[in-house]
Amino acid sequence: MTVFNLTEIEKKAFRSTFQDGLWDIFLGSLLLVLSISALLSNIGTTKKLHIGVLIVLQILVVLAFTVGKKRITIPRMGFVKFGPKRKQRMTKSRIILLISVLLGVVVFLIASALIQGNPAGRSKLLLFAPVAWVVNSIIVFSFLAYYMDFTRLYLYGVLFALPVPFDVAIQQFTELNLSPIAFAVPGIAMLGVGTVLLLRFLHEYPKPGQEVLDG
C-alpha cells in the first residue's frame, strides 16, 4: 500500500515553480536597476529624474516577471492551488521582498544624498551604509529562502549583500566610484543562471500543443 505525504508533495510542487529561472532573472534585474540608479547618481541627474527612472524600471521588472509566469510557466506546468499554510508563506514572502526592495532603495538614496551634502560626515556614513545593506540583505533573503523553500536565495542574499561594501572599500582605497559595476556584476550572474534555467525549462516543458506538433 502506498502512503502519500501530502505536505511533502505540496512542497515539491511548490519548489518546481522555481525551475523556470524567472525568479533568478527577476532578482538579477533588480540589481541591474540599482546599477542604473548608481550610474544616474554618478552623472549628476536631478533627484526627481533619478527617482522617477528608478520607479519606472522597478515597475517594468515586476510586470515582466508577472507576465512571464502567466505566459511561460503556467501554460507548461498548469495552475496549482496550494493550501492555506503555503498561501500564508507566499504572502509573507511577498511582503518581505517588498520591504527589502524599498529599504534597500531608501538607504541607498539617503546615503548618497547625505554623503554629497555632508562631506564632514562622509566617513561615518560610509561605515553605516554597507553594514545596514549587508544585514538587510542577509536577513531578508534568509527569511525568503525559508518561507519559499527556495535554497538559491541563501546564495543570492550574499550576492545582494556584496556590492555596497565592495564599492565603499574600493572608494576608500582607490577613490574610484565603481557603484554601477558593483551592482551589475552579481546582477548579470543571476541573469545568467536564470537564462540557463529558463532555456532548460522551455526544452523540458514544451506547451501541450507544441508537444503534440513535435510528436
Foldseek 3Di string as FASTA:
>chain_A
DDDDDVVVVLLVLLQVLCLQLLVLLLLLQLLLLQLVLLVCLVVPDDPVVSVVSSVVSNVVSVVVSVVCCVPPVCLQSNDDDDDPLLVVLVVVLVVLVVVLSVVLVVLVVVLSVCCVVPVPCNVVSLVVSLVVQLVSLQVSLVSNCVSSVPVCSNVVSVLRSFLSNVQSVCCVPPVDRPNSVSSNVSSVVSSVVSVVSNVVCCVVGPRPVVVVVVD
